[in-house]
Amino acid sequence: VSAKIRTGGPNDDPEDLSLPYWAGVVPLTHGYAA
């Protein structure tokens, strides 16, 4: 058995950090309705 987990934000290359594109995480949640 093994588990694998990724957390955190994007791993952009240093030369891309000044590019004019939005970067980040869109969280997903699991929920129940009535």
PDB file of all heavy atoms in Angstrom:
ATOM      1  N   VAL A   1       0.834  -1.204   0.000  1.00  0.00           N
ATOM      2  CA  VAL A   1       0.000   0.000   0.000  1.00  0.00           C
ATOM      3  C   VAL A   1       0.866   1.250   0.000  1.00  0.00           C
ATOM      4  O   VAL A   1       1.926   1.285   0.625  1.00  0.00           O
ATOM      5  CB  VAL A   1      -0.894   0.041   1.262  1.00  0.00           C
ATOM      6  CG1 VAL A   1      -1.886   1.200   1.178  1.00  0.00           C
ATOM      7  CG2 VAL A   1      -1.612  -1.272   1.466  1.00  0.00           C
ATOM      8  N   SER A   2       0.390   2.284  -0.674  1.00  0.00           N
ATOM      9  CA  SER A   2       1.029   3.596  -0.585  1.00  0.00           C
ATOM     10  C   SER A   2      -0.014   4.685  -0.730  1.00  0.00           C
ATOM     11  O   SER A   2      -1.049   4.499  -1.374  1.00  0.00           O
ATOM     12  CB  SER A   2       2.108   3.775  -1.662  1.00  0.00           C
ATOM     13  OG  SER A   2       1.525   3.775  -2.952  1.00  0.00           O
ATOM     14  N   ALA A   3       0.256   5.818  -0.098  1.00  0.00           N
ATOM     15  CA  ALA A   3      -0.550   7.025  -0.289  1.00  0.00           C
ATOM     16  C   ALA A   3       0.308   8.038  -1.017  1.00  0.00           C
ATOM     17  O   ALA A   3       1.541   7.996  -0.953  1.00  0.00           O
ATOM     18  CB  ALA A   3      -1.005   7.583   1.055  1.00  0.00           C
ATOM     19  N   LYS A   4      -0.337   8.950  -1.717  1.00  0.00           N
ATOM     20  CA  LYS A   4       0.375  10.037  -2.371  1.00  0.00           C
ATOM     21  C   LYS A   4      -0.472  11.294  -2.234  1.00  0.00           C
ATOM     22  O   LYS A   4      -1.684  11.253  -2.473  1.00  0.00           O
ATOM     23  CB  LYS A   4       0.642   9.712  -3.843  1.00  0.00           C
ATOM     24  CG  LYS A   4       1.726  10.577  -4.481  1.00  0.00           C
ATOM     25  CD  LYS A   4       2.066  10.105  -5.889  1.00  0.00           C
ATOM     26  CE  LYS A   4       3.181  10.941  -6.511  1.00  0.00           C
ATOM     27  NZ  LYS A   4       3.472  10.536  -7.901  1.00  0.00           N
ATOM     28  N   ILE A   5       0.169  12.379  -1.841  1.00  0.00           N
ATOM     29  CA  ILE A   5      -0.548  13.597  -1.510  1.00  0.00           C
ATOM     30  C   ILE A   5       0.169  14.799  -2.121  1.00  0.00           C
ATOM     31  O   ILE A   5       1.401  14.898  -2.036  1.00  0.00           O
ATOM     32  CB  ILE A   5      -0.630  13.786   0.020  1.00  0.00           C
ATOM     33  CG1 ILE A   5      -1.329  12.588   0.672  1.00  0.00           C
ATOM     34  CG2 ILE A   5      -1.351  15.080   0.376  1.00  0.00           C
ATOM     35  CD1 ILE A   5      -1.230  12.566   2.173  1.00  0.00           C
ATOM     36  N   ARG A   6      -0.621  15.697  -2.723  1.00  0.00           N
ATOM     37  CA  ARG A   6      -0.079  16.980  -3.168  1.00  0.00           C
ATOM     38  C   ARG A   6      -0.875  18.093  -2.505  1.00  0.00           C
ATOM     39  O   ARG A   6      -2.103  18.069  -2.484  1.00  0.00           O
ATOM     40  CB  ARG A   6      -0.156  17.168  -4.686  1.00  0.00           C
ATOM     41  CG  ARG A   6       0.599  18.432  -5.154  1.00  0.00           C
ATOM     42  CD  ARG A   6       0.173  18.921  -6.514  1.00  0.00           C
ATOM     43  NE  ARG A   6       1.066  19.967  -7.035  1.00  0.00           N
ATOM     44  CZ  ARG A   6       1.002  21.261  -6.688  1.00  0.00           C
ATOM     45  NH1 ARG A   6       0.083  21.673  -5.809  1.00  0.00           N
ATOM     46  NH2 ARG A   6       1.846  22.136  -7.194  1.00  0.00           N
ATOM     47  N   THR A   7      -0.168  19.076  -1.959  1.00  0.00           N
ATOM     48  CA  THR A   7      -0.782  20.265  -1.386  1.00  0.00           C
ATOM     49  C   THR A   7      -0.017  21.490  -1.871  1.00  0.00           C
ATOM     50  O   THR A   7       1.065  21.374  -2.439  1.00  0.00           O
ATOM     51  CB  THR A   7      -0.751  20.222   0.150  1.00  0.00           C
ATOM     52  OG1 THR A   7       0.619  20.162   0.598  1.00  0.00           O
ATOM     53  CG2 THR A   7      -1.511  19.025   0.695  1.00  0.00           C
ATOM     54  N   GLY A   8      -0.591  22.674  -1.636  1.00  0.00           N
ATOM     55  CA  GLY A   8       0.120  23.903  -1.939  1.00  0.00           C
ATOM     56  C   GLY A   8      -0.207  24.479  -3.303  1.00  0.00           C
ATOM     57  O   GLY A   8      -1.060  23.983  -4.040  1.00  0.00           O
ATOM     58  N   GLY A   9       0.509  25.551  -3.620  1.00  0.00           N
ATOM     59  CA  GLY A   9       0.241  26.285  -4.849  1.00  0.00           C
ATOM     60  C   GLY A   9       1.034  25.788  -6.031  1.00  0.00           C
ATOM     61  O   GLY A   9       1.689  24.738  -5.971  1.00  0.00           O
ATOM     62  N   PRO A  10       1.000  26.542  -7.134  1.00  0.00           N
ATOM     63  CA  PRO A  10       1.705  26.138  -8.348  1.00  0.00           C
ATOM     64  C   PRO A  10       3.211  26.236  -8.187  1.00  0.00           C
ATOM     65  O   PRO A  10       3.722  27.034  -7.405  1.00  0.00           O
ATOM     66  CB  PRO A  10       1.185  27.123  -9.398  1.00  0.00           C
ATOM     67  CG  PRO A  10       0.741  28.317  -8.622  1.00  0.00           C
ATOM     68  CD  PRO A  10       0.231  27.796  -7.325  1.00  0.00           C
ATOM     69  N   ASN A  11       3.910  25.412  -8.946  1.00  0.00           N
ATOM     70  CA  ASN A  11       5.378  25.407  -8.942  1.00  0.00           C
ATOM     71  C   ASN A  11       5.880  26.044 -10.235  1.00  0.00           C
ATOM     72  O   ASN A  11       6.480  25.385 -11.090  1.00  0.00           O
ATOM     73  CB  ASN A  11       5.909  23.978  -8.802  1.00  0.00           C
ATOM     74  CG  ASN A  11       5.524  23.345  -7.478  1.00  0.00           C
ATOM     75  OD1 ASN A  11       5.552  23.998  -6.440  1.00  0.00           O
ATOM     76  ND2 ASN A  11       5.159  22.070  -7.515  1.00  0.00           N
ATOM     77  N   ASP A  12       5.620  27.340 -10.355  1.00  0.00           N
ATOM     78  CA  ASP A  12       6.041  28.039 -11.561  1.00  0.00           C
ATOM     79  C   ASP A  12       7.557  28.200 -11.610  1.00  0.00           C
ATOM     80  O   ASP A  12       8.227  28.304 -10.572  1.00  0.00           O
ATOM     81  CB  ASP A  12       5.401  29.426 -11.613  1.00  0.00           C
ATOM     82  CG  ASP A  12       4.027  29.408 -12.245  1.00  0.00           C
ATOM     83  OD1 ASP A  12       3.891  28.817 -13.333  1.00  0.00           O
ATOM     84  OD2 ASP A  12       3.087  29.971 -11.654  1.00  0.00           O
ATOM     85  N   ASP A  13       8.103  28.231 -12.827  1.00  0.00           N
ATOM     86  CA  ASP A  13       9.525  28.518 -13.005  1.00  0.00           C
ATOM     87  C   ASP A  13       9.800  29.975 -12.649  1.00  0.00           C
ATOM     88  O   ASP A  13       8.950  30.853 -12.879  1.00  0.00           O
ATOM     89  CB  ASP A  13       9.939  28.244 -14.452  1.00  0.00           C
ATOM     90  CG  ASP A  13       9.800  26.778 -14.827  1.00  0.00           C
ATOM     91  OD1 ASP A  13      10.008  25.926 -13.943  1.00  0.00           O
ATOM     92  OD2 ASP A  13       9.466  26.493 -16.000  1.00  0.00           O
ATOM     93  N   PRO A  14      10.966  30.264 -12.086  1.00  0.00           N
ATOM     94  CA  PRO A  14      11.284  31.640 -11.692  1.00  0.00           C
ATOM     95  C   PRO A  14      11.101  32.649 -12.817  1.00  0.00           C
ATOM     96  O   PRO A  14      10.620  33.764 -12.595  1.00  0.00           O
ATOM     97  CB  PRO A  14      12.748  31.546 -11.237  1.00  0.00           C
ATOM     98  CG  PRO A  14      12.903  30.131 -10.782  1.00  0.00           C
ATOM     99  CD  PRO A  14      12.043  29.322 -11.712  1.00  0.00           C
ATOM    100  N   GLU A  15      11.440  32.271 -14.052  1.00  0.00           N
ATOM    101  CA  GLU A  15      11.343  33.213 -15.167  1.00  0.00           C
ATOM    102  C   GLU A  15       9.893  33.489 -15.577  1.00  0.00           C
ATOM    103  O   GLU A  15       9.625  34.414 -16.345  1.00  0.00           O
ATOM    104  CB  GLU A  15      12.128  32.702 -16.371  1.00  0.00           C
ATOM    105  CG  GLU A  15      11.701  31.354 -16.914  1.00  0.00           C
ATOM    106  CD  GLU A  15      12.433  30.181 -16.265  1.00  0.00           C
ATOM    107  OE1 GLU A  15      12.928  30.341 -15.124  1.00  0.00           O
ATOM    108  OE2 GLU A  15      12.502  29.116 -16.903  1.00  0.00           O
ATOM    109  N   ASP A  16       8.943  32.701 -15.046  1.00  0.00           N
ATOM    110  CA  ASP A  16       7.537  32.908 -15.385  1.00  0.00           C
ATOM    111  C   ASP A  16       6.780  33.730 -14.347  1.00  0.00           C
ATOM    112  O   ASP A  16       5.611  34.078 -14.564  1.00  0.00           O
ATOM    113  CB  ASP A  16       6.829  31.556 -15.545  1.00  0.00           C
ATOM    114  CG  ASP A  16       7.262  30.805 -16.791  1.00  0.00           C
ATOM    115  OD1 ASP A  16       7.739  31.466 -17.735  1.00  0.00           O
ATOM    116  OD2 ASP A  16       7.122  29.567 -16.810  1.00  0.00           O
ATOM    117  N   LEU A  17       7.401  34.041 -13.232  1.00  0.00           N
ATOM    118  CA  LEU A  17       6.688  34.698 -12.138  1.00  0.00           C
ATOM    119  C   LEU A  17       6.179  36.087 -12.507  1.00  0.00           C
ATOM    120  O   LEU A  17       5.207  36.572 -11.925  1.00  0.00           O
ATOM    121  CB  LEU A  17       7.585  34.788 -10.902  1.00  0.00           C
ATOM    122  CG  LEU A  17       7.996  33.439 -10.291  1.00  0.00           C
ATOM    123  CD1 LEU A  17       8.861  33.666  -9.060  1.00  0.00           C
ATOM    124  CD2 LEU A  17       6.771  32.597  -9.942  1.00  0.00           C
ATOM    125  N   SER A  18       6.802  36.733 -13.463  1.00  0.00           N
ATOM    126  CA  SER A  18       6.374  38.083 -13.852  1.00  0.00           C
ATOM    127  C   SER A  18       5.343  38.075 -14.976  1.00  0.00           C
ATOM    128  O   SER A  18       4.880  39.142 -15.399  1.00  0.00           O
ATOM    129  CB  SER A  18       7.592  38.912 -14.280  1.00  0.00           C
ATOM    130  OG  SER A  18       8.227  38.315 -15.402  1.00  0.00           O
ATOM    131  N   LEU A  19       4.954  36.911 -15.455  1.00  0.00           N
ATOM    132  CA  LEU A  19       3.963  36.847 -16.534  1.00  0.00           C
ATOM    133  C   LEU A  19       2.601  37.316 -16.031  1.00  0.00           C
ATOM    134  O   LEU A  19       2.228  37.075 -14.875  1.00  0.00           O
ATOM    135  CB  LEU A  19       3.862  35.419 -17.076  1.00  0.00           C
ATOM    136  CG  LEU A  19       5.101  34.887 -17.804  1.00  0.00           C
ATOM    137  CD1 LEU A  19       4.899  33.425 -18.195  1.00  0.00           C
ATOM    138  CD2 LEU A  19       5.404  35.719 -19.042  1.00  0.00           C
ATOM    139  N   PRO A  20       1.790  37.952 -16.882  1.00  0.00           N
ATOM    140  CA  PRO A  20       0.519  38.549 -16.454  1.00  0.00           C
ATOM    141  C   PRO A  20      -0.649  37.562 -16.454  1.00  0.00           C
ATOM    142  O   PRO A  20      -1.732  37.855 -16.987  1.00  0.00           O
ATOM    143  CB  PRO A  20       0.304  39.650 -17.489  1.00  0.00           C
ATOM    144  CG  PRO A  20       0.891  39.095 -18.734  1.00  0.00           C
ATOM    145  CD  PRO A  20       2.104  38.312 -18.295  1.00  0.00           C
ATOM    146  N   TYR A  21      -0.429  36.388 -15.872  1.00  0.00           N
ATOM    147  CA  TYR A  21      -1.474  35.368 -15.824  1.00  0.00           C
ATOM    148  C   TYR A  21      -1.797  35.054 -14.372  1.00  0.00           C
ATOM    149  O   TYR A  21      -0.892  34.926 -13.542  1.00  0.00           O
ATOM    150  CB  TYR A  21      -1.039  34.091 -16.548  1.00  0.00           C
ATOM    151  CG  TYR A  21      -0.551  34.314 -17.960  1.00  0.00           C
ATOM    152  CD1 TYR A  21       0.737  33.942 -18.333  1.00  0.00           C
ATOM    153  CD2 TYR A  21      -1.372  34.909 -18.918  1.00  0.00           C
ATOM    154  CE1 TYR A  21       1.191  34.146 -19.624  1.00  0.00           C
ATOM    155  CE2 TYR A  21      -0.921  35.113 -20.207  1.00  0.00           C
ATOM    156  CZ  TYR A  21       0.362  34.736 -20.554  1.00  0.00           C
ATOM    157  OH  TYR A  21       0.805  34.951 -21.834  1.00  0.00           O
ATOM    158  N   TRP A  22      -3.094  34.877 -14.089  1.00  0.00           N
ATOM    159  CA  TRP A  22      -3.486  34.535 -12.721  1.00  0.00           C
ATOM    160  C   TRP A  22      -2.940  33.159 -12.363  1.00  0.00           C
ATOM    161  O   TRP A  22      -2.962  32.225 -13.170  1.00  0.00           O
ATOM    162  CB  TRP A  22      -5.008  34.536 -12.596  1.00  0.00           C
ATOM    163  CG  TRP A  22      -5.480  34.400 -11.172  1.00  0.00           C
ATOM    164  CD1 TRP A  22      -5.744  35.416 -10.305  1.00  0.00           C
ATOM    165  CD2 TRP A  22      -5.734  33.184 -10.459  1.00  0.00           C
ATOM    166  NE1 TRP A  22      -6.140  34.915  -9.089  1.00  0.00           N
ATOM    167  CE2 TRP A  22      -6.134  33.537  -9.152  1.00  0.00           C
ATOM    168  CE3 TRP A  22      -5.631  31.829 -10.792  1.00  0.00           C
ATOM    169  CZ2 TRP A  22      -6.462  32.594  -8.174  1.00  0.00           C
ATOM    170  CZ3 TRP A  22      -5.950  30.882  -9.827  1.00  0.00           C
ATOM    171  CH2 TRP A  22      -6.357  31.260  -8.540  1.00  0.00           C
ATOM    172  N   ALA A  23      -2.474  33.002 -11.137  1.00  0.00           N
ATOM    173  CA  ALA A  23      -1.962  31.722 -10.656  1.00  0.00           C
ATOM    174  C   ALA A  23      -2.460  31.496  -9.238  1.00  0.00           C
ATOM    175  O   ALA A  23      -2.606  32.439  -8.454  1.00  0.00           O
ATOM    176  CB  ALA A  23      -0.435  31.698 -10.702  1.00  0.00           C
ATOM    177  N   GLY A  24      -2.747  30.265  -8.916  1.00  0.00           N
ATOM    178  CA  GLY A  24      -3.213  29.945  -7.574  1.00  0.00           C
ATOM    179  C   GLY A  24      -3.958  28.629  -7.558  1.00  0.00           C
ATOM    180  O   GLY A  24      -3.802  27.792  -8.456  1.00  0.00           O
ATOM    181  N   VAL A  25      -4.775  28.448  -6.532  1.00  0.00           N
ATOM    182  CA  VAL A  25      -5.500  27.196  -6.329  1.00  0.00           C
ATOM    183  C   VAL A  25      -6.998  27.472  -6.269  1.00  0.00           C
ATOM    184  O   VAL A  25      -7.438  28.425  -5.623  1.00  0.00           O
ATOM    185  CB  VAL A  25      -5.054  26.502  -5.025  1.00  0.00           C
ATOM    186  CG1 VAL A  25      -5.871  25.244  -4.780  1.00  0.00           C
ATOM    187  CG2 VAL A  25      -3.564  26.173  -5.077  1.00  0.00           C
ATOM    188  N   VAL A  26      -7.775  26.655  -6.956  1.00  0.00           N
ATOM    189  CA  VAL A  26      -9.229  26.684  -6.858  1.00  0.00           C
ATOM    190  C   VAL A  26      -9.635  25.505  -5.972  1.00  0.00           C
ATOM    191  O   VAL A  26      -9.611  24.350  -6.422  1.00  0.00           O
ATOM    192  CB  VAL A  26      -9.907  26.576  -8.234  1.00  0.00           C
ATOM    193  CG1 VAL A  26     -11.430  26.621  -8.085  1.00  0.00           C
ATOM    194  CG2 VAL A  26      -9.423  27.678  -9.169  1.00  0.00           C
ATOM    195  N   PRO A  27      -9.972  25.746  -4.695  1.00  0.00           N
ATOM    196  CA  PRO A  27     -10.310  24.634  -3.795  1.00  0.00           C
ATOM    197  C   PRO A  27     -11.592  23.933  -4.233  1.00  0.00           C
ATOM    198  O   PRO A  27     -12.534  24.563  -4.722  1.00  0.00           O
ATOM    199  CB  PRO A  27     -10.485  25.314  -2.433  1.00  0.00           C
ATOM    200  CG  PRO A  27      -9.788  26.628  -2.550  1.00  0.00           C
ATOM    201  CD  PRO A  27      -9.963  27.038  -3.989  1.00  0.00           C
ATOM    202  N   LEU A  28     -11.624  22.629  -4.050  1.00  0.00           N
ATOM    203  CA  LEU A  28     -12.822  21.832  -4.312  1.00  0.00           C
ATOM    204  C   LEU A  28     -13.294  21.230  -2.994  1.00  0.00           C
ATOM    205  O   LEU A  28     -12.482  20.770  -2.195  1.00  0.00           O
ATOM    206  CB  LEU A  28     -12.528  20.708  -5.309  1.00  0.00           C
ATOM    207  CG  LEU A  28     -12.017  21.130  -6.681  1.00  0.00           C
ATOM    208  CD1 LEU A  28     -11.740  19.901  -7.536  1.00  0.00           C
ATOM    209  CD2 LEU A  28     -13.026  22.028  -7.376  1.00  0.00           C
ATOM    210  N   THR A  29     -14.599  21.256  -2.771  1.00  0.00           N
ATOM    211  CA  THR A  29     -15.146  20.709  -1.540  1.00  0.00           C
ATOM    212  C   THR A  29     -16.216  19.671  -1.863  1.00  0.00           C
ATOM    213  O   THR A  29     -16.866  19.723  -2.901  1.00  0.00           O
ATOM    214  CB  THR A  29     -15.771  21.812  -0.661  1.00  0.00           C
ATOM    215  OG1 THR A  29     -16.807  22.471  -1.391  1.00  0.00           O
ATOM    216  CG2 THR A  29     -14.720  22.829  -0.249  1.00  0.00           C
ATOM    217  N   HIS A  30     -16.378  18.731  -0.945  1.00  0.00           N
ATOM    218  CA  HIS A  30     -17.404  17.692  -1.069  1.00  0.00           C
ATOM    219  C   HIS A  30     -18.478  17.990  -0.049  1.00  0.00           C
ATOM    220  O   HIS A  30     -18.185  18.204   1.128  1.00  0.00           O
ATOM    221  CB  HIS A  30     -16.794  16.312  -0.802  1.00  0.00           C
ATOM    222  CG  HIS A  30     -17.789  15.199  -0.825  1.00  0.00           C
ATOM    223  ND1 HIS A  30     -18.316  14.698  -1.995  1.00  0.00           N
ATOM    224  CD2 HIS A  30     -18.359  14.491   0.172  1.00  0.00           C
ATOM    225  CE1 HIS A  30     -19.164  13.722  -1.716  1.00  0.00           C
ATOM    226  NE2 HIS A  30     -19.212  13.576  -0.401  1.00  0.00           N
ATOM    227  N   GLY A  31     -19.741  18.043  -0.487  1.00  0.00           N
ATOM    228  CA  GLY A  31     -20.810  18.377   0.435  1.00  0.00           C
ATOM    229  C   GLY A  31     -22.061  17.565   0.191  1.00  0.00           C
ATOM    230  O   GLY A  31     -22.171  16.839  -0.797  1.00  0.00           O
ATOM    231  N   TYR A  32     -23.003  17.690   1.117  1.00  0.00           N
ATOM    232  CA  TYR A  32     -24.267  16.970   1.033  1.00  0.00           C
ATOM    233  C   TYR A  32     -25.423  17.970   1.072  1.00  0.00           C
ATOM    234  O   TYR A  32     -25.426  18.884   1.905  1.00  0.00           O
ATOM    235  CB  TYR A  32     -24.421  15.993   2.207  1.00  0.00           C
ATOM    236  CG  TYR A  32     -23.406  14.880   2.219  1.00  0.00           C
ATOM    237  CD1 TYR A  32     -22.175  15.046   2.850  1.00  0.00           C
ATOM    238  CD2 TYR A  32     -23.676  13.664   1.593  1.00  0.00           C
ATOM    239  CE1 TYR A  32     -21.244  14.021   2.868  1.00  0.00           C
ATOM    240  CE2 TYR A  32     -22.748  12.637   1.602  1.00  0.00           C
ATOM    241  CZ  TYR A  32     -21.530  12.828   2.238  1.00  0.00           C
ATOM    242  OH  TYR A  32     -20.604  11.810   2.244  1.00  0.00           O
ATOM    243  N   ALA A  33     -26.393  17.806   0.203  1.00  0.00           N
ATOM    244  CA  ALA A  33     -27.608  18.605   0.245  1.00  0.00           C
ATOM    245  C   ALA A  33     -28.604  17.938   1.199  1.00  0.00           C
ATOM    246  O   ALA A  33     -28.365  16.836   1.707  1.00  0.00           O
ATOM    247  CB  ALA A  33     -28.191  18.743  -1.148  1.00  0.00           C
ATOM    248  N   ALA A  34     -29.718  18.602   1.424  1.00  0.00           N
ATOM    249  CA  ALA A  34     -30.736  18.060   2.325  1.00  0.00           C
ATOM    250  C   ALA A  34     -31.289  16.750   1.761  1.00  0.00           C
ATOM    251  O   ALA A  34     -31.558  16.644   0.560  1.00  0.00           O
ATOM    252  CB  ALA A  34     -31.861  19.070   2.511  1.00  0.00           C
TER     253      ALA A  34
END
